[in-house]
Amino acid sequence: KRNCLHCVDPSCVSVCPVGAMIKDPVTGIVTHDANACLGCRYCSFGCPFGVPQFDLGKPFGQINKCQMCAHLQAQGGIPACCDVCPTGASLFGPVARLQAEAEQRLAAEPGTPHQFPRGDIRGDRPMHEAAIALYQKHVYGQTEVGGTQVRYLSAVPFEKLGLPKLGPDAPVRFVEGLQHKLYNYLLAPAVALFGLAWAVRRNKPGIDAQDHPEN
């Protein structure tokens, strides 16, 4: 299952020139506004997980991405993949609760029985009982690119699931910091250049006569 990881510092939001990628300040969900999108596909190139994809099969294609079923959550529901999953392999809830559940599974001895919550981790659905797998000793998304709101456990290397090996630093922090420094450093030269151009124009011989021939 591939879906948006809803990064803490999403690169897709940073690179979008028109604000079509939006991170909700309360829920942290990253959504896409198709009406604002230019179709430039910067988000596709900027996302380290390759989540936003442009539909090339239509004459007027558009970017598509997982919205974490924001429309269902607005009605009090949960993402459909978590709602229908019979075993709790896809689970919804606060990140802290999901992280605690993941750590509990990692700490358990492989092969021991475990009560897996289903749907919403805060809900009261009947548990699914199964044996703990021999997990990779890492919760994917806890540190990658500054952290993500979606976390993965896997019994096989994450690279085999198409999840790249990434460091803890979010590229957007470095790039935006560099941009801000460049803008700050270039502001003074730009002002100086404008001032010089104005002075040269003002002191150019005959410029007043050219601009005001009636005089």
N, C-alpha and C. Protein backbone atom coordinates (compact mmCIF):
# COMPACT_ATOMS: atom_id res chain seq x y z
N LYS A 1 0.84 -1.19 0.00
CA LYS A 1 0.00 0.00 0.00
C LYS A 1 0.88 1.24 0.00
N ARG A 2 0.67 2.11 -0.98
CA ARG A 2 1.43 3.35 -1.06
C ARG A 2 0.50 4.53 -0.86
N ASN A 3 0.88 5.42 0.02
CA ASN A 3 0.08 6.61 0.26
C ASN A 3 0.99 7.75 0.68
N CYS A 4 0.43 8.92 0.75
CA CYS A 4 1.20 10.08 1.20
C CYS A 4 1.60 9.90 2.65
N LEU A 5 2.82 10.26 2.99
CA LEU A 5 3.29 10.13 4.37
C LEU A 5 3.00 11.39 5.19
N HIS A 6 2.49 12.44 4.55
CA HIS A 6 2.10 13.68 5.25
C HIS A 6 3.24 14.14 6.16
N CYS A 7 4.33 14.56 5.51
CA CYS A 7 5.56 14.94 6.21
C CYS A 7 5.34 16.12 7.15
N VAL A 8 6.16 16.18 8.18
CA VAL A 8 6.15 17.33 9.07
C VAL A 8 6.56 18.58 8.29
N ASP A 9 7.59 18.46 7.47
CA ASP A 9 8.03 19.55 6.59
C ASP A 9 7.94 19.06 5.15
N PRO A 10 6.77 19.13 4.54
CA PRO A 10 6.58 18.54 3.21
C PRO A 10 7.26 19.33 2.10
N SER A 11 8.09 18.65 1.32
CA SER A 11 8.76 19.29 0.19
C SER A 11 7.77 19.72 -0.88
N CYS A 12 6.69 18.96 -1.06
CA CYS A 12 5.72 19.29 -2.10
C CYS A 12 5.09 20.66 -1.84
N VAL A 13 4.84 20.97 -0.57
CA VAL A 13 4.28 22.27 -0.22
C VAL A 13 5.30 23.37 -0.48
N SER A 14 6.56 23.09 -0.16
CA SER A 14 7.61 24.09 -0.32
C SER A 14 7.84 24.46 -1.77
N VAL A 15 7.83 23.46 -2.67
CA VAL A 15 8.18 23.74 -4.07
C VAL A 15 7.00 24.21 -4.89
N CYS A 16 5.78 24.05 -4.42
CA CYS A 16 4.61 24.45 -5.21
C CYS A 16 4.58 25.97 -5.36
N PRO A 17 4.60 26.50 -6.60
CA PRO A 17 4.68 27.96 -6.78
C PRO A 17 3.36 28.68 -6.59
N VAL A 18 2.25 27.96 -6.50
CA VAL A 18 0.94 28.62 -6.44
C VAL A 18 0.14 28.23 -5.20
N GLY A 19 0.73 27.51 -4.28
CA GLY A 19 0.02 27.14 -3.06
C GLY A 19 -1.05 26.10 -3.27
N ALA A 20 -0.90 25.26 -4.31
CA ALA A 20 -1.88 24.21 -4.55
C ALA A 20 -1.72 23.05 -3.57
N MET A 21 -0.50 22.88 -3.02
CA MET A 21 -0.27 21.90 -1.97
C MET A 21 -0.38 22.60 -0.63
N ILE A 22 -1.23 22.08 0.23
CA ILE A 22 -1.56 22.76 1.48
C ILE A 22 -1.40 21.79 2.65
N LYS A 23 -0.70 22.23 3.69
CA LYS A 23 -0.59 21.44 4.92
C LYS A 23 -1.49 22.06 5.98
N ASP A 24 -2.48 21.30 6.44
CA ASP A 24 -3.41 21.81 7.44
C ASP A 24 -2.65 22.06 8.75
N PRO A 25 -2.73 23.29 9.29
CA PRO A 25 -1.96 23.60 10.50
C PRO A 25 -2.43 22.85 11.74
N VAL A 26 -3.63 22.31 11.72
CA VAL A 26 -4.16 21.60 12.88
C VAL A 26 -3.93 20.10 12.77
N THR A 27 -4.37 19.51 11.66
CA THR A 27 -4.26 18.06 11.49
C THR A 27 -2.92 17.64 10.89
N GLY A 28 -2.26 18.54 10.16
CA GLY A 28 -1.02 18.19 9.49
C GLY A 28 -1.22 17.47 8.18
N ILE A 29 -2.46 17.25 7.76
CA ILE A 29 -2.73 16.55 6.51
C ILE A 29 -2.33 17.44 5.33
N VAL A 30 -1.66 16.85 4.35
CA VAL A 30 -1.26 17.57 3.14
C VAL A 30 -2.26 17.27 2.04
N THR A 31 -2.94 18.29 1.57
CA THR A 31 -3.94 18.11 0.52
C THR A 31 -3.56 18.89 -0.72
N HIS A 32 -4.22 18.56 -1.81
CA HIS A 32 -3.94 19.18 -3.10
C HIS A 32 -5.19 19.87 -3.61
N ASP A 33 -5.05 21.16 -3.99
CA ASP A 33 -6.16 21.93 -4.54
C ASP A 33 -6.03 21.92 -6.06
N ALA A 34 -6.84 21.09 -6.71
CA ALA A 34 -6.75 20.94 -8.17
C ALA A 34 -7.11 22.24 -8.89
N ASN A 35 -7.94 23.07 -8.31
CA ASN A 35 -8.35 24.32 -8.95
C ASN A 35 -7.22 25.34 -9.00
N ALA A 36 -6.29 25.25 -8.06
CA ALA A 36 -5.16 26.19 -8.03
C ALA A 36 -3.95 25.65 -8.78
N CYS A 37 -3.92 24.34 -9.04
CA CYS A 37 -2.74 23.69 -9.61
C CYS A 37 -2.48 24.13 -11.04
N LEU A 38 -1.19 24.35 -11.35
CA LEU A 38 -0.76 24.70 -12.71
C LEU A 38 -0.36 23.48 -13.52
N GLY A 39 -0.19 22.36 -12.87
CA GLY A 39 0.28 21.16 -13.56
C GLY A 39 1.77 21.17 -13.84
N CYS A 40 2.54 21.96 -13.08
CA CYS A 40 3.98 22.06 -13.33
C CYS A 40 4.73 20.81 -12.90
N ARG A 41 4.16 20.04 -12.00
CA ARG A 41 4.72 18.77 -11.52
C ARG A 41 5.96 18.94 -10.63
N TYR A 42 6.20 20.14 -10.14
CA TYR A 42 7.31 20.33 -9.20
C TYR A 42 7.13 19.45 -7.97
N CYS A 43 5.87 19.26 -7.54
CA CYS A 43 5.62 18.44 -6.36
C CYS A 43 6.05 16.99 -6.59
N SER A 44 5.86 16.50 -7.81
CA SER A 44 6.25 15.12 -8.13
C SER A 44 7.76 14.95 -8.00
N PHE A 45 8.50 15.97 -8.48
CA PHE A 45 9.96 15.89 -8.40
C PHE A 45 10.47 16.19 -7.00
N GLY A 46 9.75 17.02 -6.25
CA GLY A 46 10.21 17.41 -4.92
C GLY A 46 9.95 16.37 -3.86
N CYS A 47 8.91 15.55 -4.03
CA CYS A 47 8.57 14.57 -3.00
C CYS A 47 9.58 13.42 -2.99
N PRO A 48 10.24 13.15 -1.86
CA PRO A 48 11.22 12.06 -1.83
C PRO A 48 10.59 10.68 -1.93
N PHE A 49 9.27 10.61 -1.78
CA PHE A 49 8.57 9.32 -1.84
C PHE A 49 7.83 9.14 -3.17
N GLY A 50 7.87 10.15 -4.04
CA GLY A 50 7.22 10.04 -5.34
C GLY A 50 5.72 9.89 -5.27
N VAL A 51 5.10 10.54 -4.28
CA VAL A 51 3.66 10.35 -4.08
C VAL A 51 2.81 11.14 -5.07
N PRO A 52 2.95 12.47 -5.19
CA PRO A 52 2.09 13.19 -6.15
C PRO A 52 2.43 12.76 -7.58
N GLN A 53 1.43 12.32 -8.32
CA GLN A 53 1.64 11.85 -9.68
C GLN A 53 0.70 12.57 -10.64
N PHE A 54 1.24 12.91 -11.81
CA PHE A 54 0.44 13.60 -12.82
C PHE A 54 -0.22 12.57 -13.73
N ASP A 55 -1.51 12.77 -13.96
CA ASP A 55 -2.26 11.85 -14.80
C ASP A 55 -2.00 12.18 -16.27
N LEU A 56 -1.13 11.40 -16.89
CA LEU A 56 -0.77 11.63 -18.30
C LEU A 56 -1.72 10.93 -19.27
N GLY A 57 -2.68 10.20 -18.76
CA GLY A 57 -3.59 9.44 -19.62
C GLY A 57 -4.80 10.22 -20.07
N LYS A 58 -4.90 11.48 -19.66
CA LYS A 58 -6.05 12.30 -20.03
C LYS A 58 -5.56 13.58 -20.73
N PRO A 59 -6.37 14.13 -21.66
CA PRO A 59 -5.97 15.36 -22.34
C PRO A 59 -5.72 16.51 -21.37
N PHE A 60 -6.51 16.57 -20.31
CA PHE A 60 -6.34 17.60 -19.30
C PHE A 60 -6.08 16.91 -17.96
N GLY A 61 -4.89 16.33 -17.86
CA GLY A 61 -4.53 15.60 -16.66
C GLY A 61 -4.30 16.54 -15.48
N GLN A 62 -4.23 15.95 -14.29
CA GLN A 62 -3.96 16.73 -13.10
C GLN A 62 -3.20 15.88 -12.09
N ILE A 63 -2.67 16.55 -11.07
CA ILE A 63 -1.95 15.87 -10.01
C ILE A 63 -2.93 15.09 -9.13
N ASN A 64 -2.53 13.88 -8.78
CA ASN A 64 -3.32 13.07 -7.86
C ASN A 64 -2.43 12.64 -6.69
N LYS A 65 -2.99 12.66 -5.50
CA LYS A 65 -2.25 12.19 -4.33
C LYS A 65 -3.23 11.78 -3.23
N CYS A 66 -2.74 11.00 -2.29
CA CYS A 66 -3.51 10.63 -1.11
C CYS A 66 -3.80 11.88 -0.29
N GLN A 67 -5.07 12.07 0.07
CA GLN A 67 -5.48 13.22 0.89
C GLN A 67 -5.81 12.78 2.32
N MET A 68 -5.47 11.54 2.66
CA MET A 68 -5.84 10.93 3.94
C MET A 68 -7.35 11.02 4.17
N CYS A 69 -8.07 10.88 3.05
CA CYS A 69 -9.54 10.92 3.10
C CYS A 69 -10.04 12.10 3.95
N ALA A 70 -9.53 13.29 3.63
CA ALA A 70 -9.90 14.48 4.39
C ALA A 70 -11.41 14.71 4.35
N HIS A 71 -12.04 14.33 3.22
CA HIS A 71 -13.49 14.52 3.10
C HIS A 71 -14.25 13.62 4.08
N LEU A 72 -13.73 12.42 4.33
CA LEU A 72 -14.37 11.53 5.30
C LEU A 72 -14.11 12.00 6.74
N GLN A 73 -12.90 12.48 6.99
CA GLN A 73 -12.59 12.98 8.32
C GLN A 73 -13.43 14.20 8.67
N ALA A 74 -13.72 15.03 7.66
CA ALA A 74 -14.56 16.21 7.90
C ALA A 74 -15.96 15.83 8.34
N GLN A 75 -16.37 14.59 8.01
CA GLN A 75 -17.70 14.11 8.40
C GLN A 75 -17.64 13.21 9.65
N GLY A 76 -16.46 13.21 10.30
CA GLY A 76 -16.31 12.40 11.50
C GLY A 76 -15.83 10.99 11.24
N GLY A 77 -15.47 10.67 10.00
CA GLY A 77 -15.00 9.33 9.67
C GLY A 77 -13.50 9.21 9.76
N ILE A 78 -12.98 8.10 9.27
CA ILE A 78 -11.54 7.85 9.23
C ILE A 78 -11.18 7.44 7.81
N PRO A 79 -9.90 7.45 7.45
CA PRO A 79 -9.50 7.05 6.10
C PRO A 79 -10.06 5.67 5.74
N ALA A 80 -10.50 5.54 4.49
CA ALA A 80 -11.18 4.32 4.06
C ALA A 80 -10.30 3.09 4.20
N CYS A 81 -8.99 3.22 3.91
CA CYS A 81 -8.11 2.05 3.98
C CYS A 81 -8.04 1.50 5.40
N CYS A 82 -8.10 2.39 6.40
CA CYS A 82 -8.08 1.95 7.79
C CYS A 82 -9.45 1.42 8.22
N ASP A 83 -10.49 2.02 7.67
CA ASP A 83 -11.85 1.65 8.05
C ASP A 83 -12.18 0.22 7.64
N VAL A 84 -11.70 -0.19 6.46
CA VAL A 84 -12.08 -1.51 5.94
C VAL A 84 -11.06 -2.60 6.24
N CYS A 85 -9.87 -2.24 6.74
CA CYS A 85 -8.84 -3.24 6.97
C CYS A 85 -9.27 -4.20 8.08
N PRO A 86 -9.34 -5.51 7.82
CA PRO A 86 -9.87 -6.46 8.81
C PRO A 86 -8.87 -6.85 9.89
N THR A 87 -7.58 -6.52 9.70
CA THR A 87 -6.57 -7.01 10.64
C THR A 87 -5.84 -5.91 11.40
N GLY A 88 -6.11 -4.66 11.08
CA GLY A 88 -5.38 -3.57 11.73
C GLY A 88 -4.02 -3.32 11.11
N ALA A 89 -3.77 -3.86 9.92
CA ALA A 89 -2.51 -3.58 9.24
C ALA A 89 -2.43 -2.10 8.86
N SER A 90 -3.59 -1.51 8.54
CA SER A 90 -3.70 -0.07 8.34
C SER A 90 -4.51 0.47 9.50
N LEU A 91 -3.91 1.36 10.27
CA LEU A 91 -4.50 1.82 11.52
C LEU A 91 -4.46 3.34 11.59
N PHE A 92 -5.53 3.94 12.09
CA PHE A 92 -5.65 5.39 12.15
C PHE A 92 -5.65 5.86 13.61
N GLY A 93 -5.13 7.08 13.82
CA GLY A 93 -5.17 7.66 15.16
C GLY A 93 -4.09 8.68 15.36
N PRO A 94 -4.01 9.26 16.56
CA PRO A 94 -2.94 10.23 16.85
C PRO A 94 -1.57 9.60 16.67
N VAL A 95 -0.63 10.39 16.16
CA VAL A 95 0.70 9.86 15.86
C VAL A 95 1.36 9.27 17.10
N ALA A 96 1.20 9.94 18.25
CA ALA A 96 1.83 9.44 19.48
C ALA A 96 1.30 8.06 19.85
N ARG A 97 -0.01 7.84 19.66
CA ARG A 97 -0.59 6.53 19.96
C ARG A 97 -0.10 5.47 18.97
N LEU A 98 -0.01 5.84 17.70
CA LEU A 98 0.47 4.90 16.70
C LEU A 98 1.93 4.54 16.94
N GLN A 99 2.74 5.53 17.33
CA GLN A 99 4.14 5.28 17.62
C GLN A 99 4.28 4.33 18.80
N ALA A 100 3.45 4.54 19.83
CA ALA A 100 3.50 3.67 21.01
C ALA A 100 3.11 2.24 20.65
N GLU A 101 2.09 2.09 19.79
CA GLU A 101 1.68 0.76 19.35
C GLU A 101 2.80 0.09 18.56
N ALA A 102 3.45 0.85 17.69
CA ALA A 102 4.55 0.30 16.89
C ALA A 102 5.70 -0.16 17.80
N GLU A 103 6.04 0.64 18.79
CA GLU A 103 7.13 0.28 19.70
C GLU A 103 6.77 -0.95 20.53
N GLN A 104 5.50 -1.07 20.88
CA GLN A 104 5.05 -2.26 21.63
C GLN A 104 5.21 -3.52 20.79
N ARG A 105 4.87 -3.42 19.51
CA ARG A 105 5.02 -4.57 18.63
C ARG A 105 6.48 -4.93 18.42
N LEU A 106 7.33 -3.90 18.30
CA LEU A 106 8.76 -4.16 18.12
C LEU A 106 9.38 -4.81 19.35
N ALA A 107 8.88 -4.43 20.53
CA ALA A 107 9.45 -4.96 21.77
C ALA A 107 9.01 -6.39 22.05
N ALA A 108 7.91 -6.82 21.42
CA ALA A 108 7.39 -8.17 21.68
C ALA A 108 8.25 -9.22 20.98
N GLU A 109 8.27 -10.40 21.55
CA GLU A 109 9.02 -11.51 20.96
C GLU A 109 8.31 -11.99 19.70
N PRO A 110 9.02 -12.10 18.57
CA PRO A 110 8.39 -12.60 17.35
C PRO A 110 7.73 -13.96 17.57
N GLY A 111 6.51 -14.10 17.06
CA GLY A 111 5.78 -15.34 17.21
C GLY A 111 4.81 -15.34 18.37
N THR A 112 4.94 -14.39 19.29
CA THR A 112 4.01 -14.33 20.42
C THR A 112 2.68 -13.72 19.97
N PRO A 113 1.56 -14.11 20.57
CA PRO A 113 0.26 -13.55 20.17
C PRO A 113 0.14 -12.09 20.59
N HIS A 114 -0.61 -11.35 19.80
CA HIS A 114 -0.80 -9.92 20.06
C HIS A 114 -2.21 -9.52 19.67
N GLN A 115 -2.79 -8.64 20.44
CA GLN A 115 -4.10 -8.10 20.14
C GLN A 115 -3.92 -6.82 19.30
N PHE A 116 -4.25 -6.92 18.02
CA PHE A 116 -4.06 -5.79 17.11
C PHE A 116 -5.33 -4.94 17.05
N PRO A 117 -5.24 -3.64 17.43
CA PRO A 117 -6.41 -2.78 17.28
C PRO A 117 -6.74 -2.58 15.80
N ARG A 118 -8.02 -2.30 15.52
CA ARG A 118 -8.46 -2.14 14.14
C ARG A 118 -9.17 -0.80 13.96
N GLY A 119 -9.12 -0.29 12.73
CA GLY A 119 -9.81 0.95 12.41
C GLY A 119 -9.14 2.14 13.05
N ASP A 120 -9.81 2.75 14.03
CA ASP A 120 -9.27 3.87 14.79
C ASP A 120 -8.70 3.33 16.09
N ILE A 121 -7.43 3.63 16.37
CA ILE A 121 -6.78 3.08 17.56
C ILE A 121 -7.49 3.52 18.84
N ARG A 122 -8.28 4.60 18.76
CA ARG A 122 -9.03 5.08 19.92
C ARG A 122 -10.42 4.45 20.02
N GLY A 123 -10.76 3.62 19.05
CA GLY A 123 -12.11 3.06 18.99
C GLY A 123 -12.27 1.82 19.84
N ASP A 124 -13.44 1.19 19.71
CA ASP A 124 -13.75 0.02 20.52
C ASP A 124 -14.10 -1.19 19.66
N ARG A 125 -13.54 -1.26 18.46
CA ARG A 125 -13.80 -2.43 17.63
C ARG A 125 -13.13 -3.66 18.24
N PRO A 126 -13.66 -4.83 17.96
CA PRO A 126 -12.99 -6.06 18.43
C PRO A 126 -11.57 -6.15 17.87
N MET A 127 -10.66 -6.60 18.70
CA MET A 127 -9.26 -6.72 18.30
C MET A 127 -9.08 -7.89 17.33
N HIS A 128 -7.98 -7.83 16.59
CA HIS A 128 -7.59 -8.95 15.73
C HIS A 128 -6.38 -9.62 16.38
N GLU A 129 -6.51 -10.89 16.66
CA GLU A 129 -5.40 -11.59 17.32
C GLU A 129 -4.56 -12.32 16.28
N ALA A 130 -3.26 -12.10 16.36
CA ALA A 130 -2.31 -12.76 15.46
C ALA A 130 -0.94 -12.76 16.12
N ALA A 131 -0.01 -13.50 15.51
CA ALA A 131 1.35 -13.57 16.04
C ALA A 131 2.16 -12.37 15.59
N ILE A 132 3.05 -11.91 16.46
CA ILE A 132 3.96 -10.82 16.12
C ILE A 132 4.95 -11.29 15.06
N ALA A 133 5.14 -10.47 14.05
CA ALA A 133 6.08 -10.81 12.98
C ALA A 133 7.51 -10.50 13.41
N LEU A 134 8.45 -10.98 12.62
CA LEU A 134 9.87 -10.65 12.83
C LEU A 134 10.14 -9.33 12.11
N TYR A 135 9.83 -8.24 12.79
CA TYR A 135 9.89 -6.92 12.17
C TYR A 135 11.33 -6.42 12.00
N GLN A 136 11.51 -5.57 11.01
CA GLN A 136 12.71 -4.75 10.93
C GLN A 136 12.72 -3.84 12.16
N LYS A 137 13.88 -3.67 12.77
CA LYS A 137 13.95 -2.93 14.03
C LYS A 137 14.00 -1.42 13.79
N HIS A 138 12.97 -0.94 13.14
CA HIS A 138 12.88 0.49 12.88
C HIS A 138 11.44 0.84 12.54
N VAL A 139 11.00 1.98 13.03
CA VAL A 139 9.69 2.51 12.67
C VAL A 139 9.92 3.55 11.57
N TYR A 140 9.57 3.19 10.35
CA TYR A 140 9.83 4.09 9.22
C TYR A 140 8.89 5.30 9.32
N GLY A 141 9.48 6.48 9.18
CA GLY A 141 8.73 7.71 9.27
C GLY A 141 8.95 8.45 10.58
N GLN A 142 9.56 7.78 11.54
CA GLN A 142 9.82 8.44 12.82
C GLN A 142 10.89 9.52 12.68
N THR A 143 11.91 9.25 11.88
CA THR A 143 13.01 10.20 11.72
C THR A 143 13.21 10.66 10.28
N GLU A 144 12.75 9.90 9.32
CA GLU A 144 13.02 10.20 7.91
C GLU A 144 12.55 11.62 7.56
N VAL A 145 13.41 12.35 6.87
CA VAL A 145 13.17 13.73 6.40
C VAL A 145 12.47 14.59 7.45
N GLY A 146 12.92 14.49 8.70
CA GLY A 146 12.36 15.31 9.75
C GLY A 146 11.11 14.75 10.39
N GLY A 147 10.68 13.57 9.97
CA GLY A 147 9.50 12.94 10.55
C GLY A 147 8.29 13.02 9.64
N THR A 148 7.48 11.98 9.68
CA THR A 148 6.24 11.96 8.91
C THR A 148 5.10 11.52 9.83
N GLN A 149 3.88 11.82 9.42
CA GLN A 149 2.73 11.44 10.24
C GLN A 149 2.26 10.02 9.98
N VAL A 150 2.74 9.43 8.90
CA VAL A 150 2.45 8.02 8.61
C VAL A 150 3.66 7.20 9.01
N ARG A 151 3.44 6.11 9.73
CA ARG A 151 4.52 5.25 10.20
C ARG A 151 4.35 3.85 9.64
N TYR A 152 5.47 3.20 9.36
CA TYR A 152 5.45 1.86 8.80
C TYR A 152 6.22 0.89 9.68
N LEU A 153 5.67 -0.31 9.83
CA LEU A 153 6.41 -1.47 10.32
C LEU A 153 6.45 -2.48 9.19
N SER A 154 7.55 -3.21 9.09
CA SER A 154 7.67 -4.17 8.00
C SER A 154 8.56 -5.33 8.42
N ALA A 155 8.24 -6.50 7.89
CA ALA A 155 9.07 -7.67 8.12
C ALA A 155 10.15 -7.83 7.05
N VAL A 156 10.11 -6.99 6.02
CA VAL A 156 11.13 -7.01 4.97
C VAL A 156 11.76 -5.62 4.91
N PRO A 157 12.96 -5.49 4.36
CA PRO A 157 13.58 -4.17 4.27
C PRO A 157 12.67 -3.15 3.59
N PHE A 158 12.63 -1.95 4.12
CA PHE A 158 11.71 -0.94 3.62
C PHE A 158 11.98 -0.59 2.16
N GLU A 159 13.24 -0.72 1.73
CA GLU A 159 13.57 -0.43 0.34
C GLU A 159 12.80 -1.34 -0.62
N LYS A 160 12.50 -2.57 -0.18
CA LYS A 160 11.74 -3.49 -1.02
C LYS A 160 10.29 -3.08 -1.15
N LEU A 161 9.85 -2.18 -0.28
CA LEU A 161 8.48 -1.66 -0.36
C LEU A 161 8.43 -0.34 -1.13
N GLY A 162 9.59 0.07 -1.67
CA GLY A 162 9.63 1.33 -2.39
C GLY A 162 9.82 2.53 -1.50
N LEU A 163 10.20 2.31 -0.24
CA LEU A 163 10.44 3.40 0.70
C LEU A 163 11.94 3.64 0.77
N PRO A 164 12.41 4.78 0.28
CA PRO A 164 13.86 5.01 0.17
C PRO A 164 14.52 5.21 1.53
N LYS A 165 15.80 4.93 1.57
CA LYS A 165 16.58 5.19 2.77
C LYS A 165 16.93 6.67 2.81
N LEU A 166 16.43 7.37 3.81
CA LEU A 166 16.58 8.82 3.90
C LEU A 166 17.13 9.22 5.25
N GLY A 167 17.80 10.36 5.29
CA GLY A 167 18.35 10.86 6.54
C GLY A 167 17.31 11.60 7.36
N PRO A 168 17.71 12.10 8.53
CA PRO A 168 16.76 12.77 9.43
C PRO A 168 16.48 14.22 9.08
N ASP A 169 17.24 14.78 8.16
CA ASP A 169 17.08 16.20 7.85
C ASP A 169 16.10 16.39 6.70
N ALA A 170 15.19 17.34 6.86
CA ALA A 170 14.23 17.66 5.81
C ALA A 170 14.90 18.58 4.78
N PRO A 171 14.97 18.17 3.51
CA PRO A 171 15.61 19.02 2.49
C PRO A 171 15.02 20.42 2.43
N VAL A 172 13.72 20.54 2.70
CA VAL A 172 13.06 21.84 2.60
C VAL A 172 13.65 22.83 3.59
N ARG A 173 14.09 22.36 4.76
CA ARG A 173 14.67 23.28 5.74
C ARG A 173 15.96 23.89 5.21
N PHE A 174 16.79 23.07 4.59
CA PHE A 174 18.06 23.56 4.05
C PHE A 174 17.82 24.50 2.87
N VAL A 175 16.94 24.08 1.96
CA VAL A 175 16.71 24.87 0.74
C VAL A 175 16.08 26.22 1.08
N GLU A 176 15.05 26.20 1.93
CA GLU A 176 14.40 27.46 2.27
C GLU A 176 15.33 28.36 3.07
N GLY A 177 16.15 27.77 3.94
CA GLY A 177 17.13 28.59 4.67
C GLY A 177 18.12 29.23 3.73
N LEU A 178 18.56 28.46 2.72
CA LEU A 178 19.50 28.99 1.74
C LEU A 178 18.86 30.10 0.92
N GLN A 179 17.60 29.91 0.53
CA GLN A 179 16.90 30.93 -0.24
C GLN A 179 16.77 32.22 0.56
N HIS A 180 16.41 32.11 1.83
CA HIS A 180 16.25 33.30 2.66
C HIS A 180 17.57 34.05 2.79
N LYS A 181 18.68 33.29 2.95
CA LYS A 181 19.98 33.94 3.05
C LYS A 181 20.34 34.65 1.75
N LEU A 182 20.08 33.98 0.62
CA LEU A 182 20.39 34.60 -0.66
C LEU A 182 19.58 35.87 -0.86
N TYR A 183 18.30 35.81 -0.52
CA TYR A 183 17.46 36.99 -0.69
C TYR A 183 17.94 38.13 0.20
N ASN A 184 18.34 37.80 1.43
CA ASN A 184 18.82 38.84 2.33
C ASN A 184 20.11 39.45 1.83
N TYR A 185 21.02 38.61 1.32
CA TYR A 185 22.30 39.10 0.84
C TYR A 185 22.15 39.90 -0.46
N LEU A 186 21.17 39.54 -1.26
CA LEU A 186 20.99 40.22 -2.55
C LEU A 186 20.19 41.50 -2.43
N LEU A 187 19.53 41.70 -1.30
CA LEU A 187 18.71 42.90 -1.15
C LEU A 187 19.55 44.16 -1.19
N ALA A 188 20.65 44.18 -0.42
CA ALA A 188 21.49 45.38 -0.37
C ALA A 188 22.11 45.71 -1.74
N PRO A 189 22.71 44.71 -2.47
CA PRO A 189 23.22 45.03 -3.80
C PRO A 189 22.15 45.53 -4.76
N ALA A 190 20.93 44.98 -4.64
CA ALA A 190 19.86 45.43 -5.53
C ALA A 190 19.51 46.89 -5.26
N VAL A 191 19.44 47.25 -3.99
CA VAL A 191 19.15 48.65 -3.63
C VAL A 191 20.27 49.56 -4.11
N ALA A 192 21.53 49.11 -3.92
CA ALA A 192 22.67 49.92 -4.36
C ALA A 192 22.67 50.10 -5.88
N LEU A 193 22.33 49.02 -6.61
CA LEU A 193 22.30 49.10 -8.06
C LEU A 193 21.22 50.06 -8.53
N PHE A 194 20.06 50.02 -7.88
CA PHE A 194 18.99 50.94 -8.23
C PHE A 194 19.41 52.38 -7.97
N GLY A 195 20.08 52.58 -6.83
CA GLY A 195 20.54 53.94 -6.50
C GLY A 195 21.55 54.45 -7.51
N LEU A 196 22.48 53.60 -7.93
CA LEU A 196 23.47 54.01 -8.93
C LEU A 196 22.81 54.33 -10.26
N ALA A 197 21.85 53.49 -10.65
CA ALA A 197 21.16 53.74 -11.92
C ALA A 197 20.41 55.06 -11.88
N TRP A 198 19.80 55.36 -10.76
CA TRP A 198 19.06 56.62 -10.62
C TRP A 198 20.01 57.80 -10.69
N ALA A 199 21.18 57.67 -10.00
CA ALA A 199 22.15 58.77 -10.00
C ALA A 199 22.72 59.01 -11.39
N VAL A 200 23.02 57.92 -12.11
CA VAL A 200 23.56 58.07 -13.47
C VAL A 200 22.54 58.74 -14.38
N ARG A 201 21.30 58.32 -14.27
CA ARG A 201 20.26 58.91 -15.11
C ARG A 201 20.07 60.39 -14.79
N ARG A 202 20.10 60.73 -13.53
CA ARG A 202 19.87 62.11 -13.15
C ARG A 202 21.01 63.02 -13.60
N ASN A 203 22.23 62.49 -13.58
CA ASN A 203 23.40 63.31 -13.92
C ASN A 203 23.80 63.22 -15.39
N LYS A 204 23.05 62.48 -16.18
CA LYS A 204 23.38 62.35 -17.59
C LYS A 204 23.11 63.68 -18.31
N PRO A 205 24.07 64.20 -19.05
CA PRO A 205 23.90 65.51 -19.72
C PRO A 205 22.74 65.49 -20.70
N GLY A 206 21.93 66.53 -20.64
CA GLY A 206 20.85 66.70 -21.59
C GLY A 206 19.65 65.84 -21.34
N ILE A 207 19.62 65.13 -20.20
CA ILE A 207 18.49 64.22 -20.01
C ILE A 207 17.20 64.97 -19.75
N ASP A 208 17.32 66.14 -19.09
CA ASP A 208 16.12 66.92 -18.82
C ASP A 208 15.56 67.49 -20.11
N ALA A 209 16.46 67.90 -21.02
CA ALA A 209 16.00 68.45 -22.29
C ALA A 209 15.32 67.39 -23.14
N GLN A 210 15.84 66.16 -23.06
CA GLN A 210 15.22 65.08 -23.83
C GLN A 210 13.84 64.72 -23.26
N ASP A 211 13.78 64.73 -21.93
CA ASP A 211 12.52 64.33 -21.31
C ASP A 211 11.48 65.43 -21.40
N HIS A 212 11.92 66.70 -21.49
CA HIS A 212 10.99 67.80 -21.52
C HIS A 212 11.32 68.73 -22.69
N PRO A 213 11.08 68.32 -23.93
CA PRO A 213 11.46 69.12 -25.09
C PRO A 213 10.75 70.46 -25.13
N GLU A 214 9.60 70.58 -24.43
CA GLU A 214 8.89 71.85 -24.49
C GLU A 214 9.65 72.95 -23.75
N ASN A 215 10.63 72.58 -22.90
CA ASN A 215 11.40 73.57 -22.19
C ASN A 215 12.61 74.01 -23.04
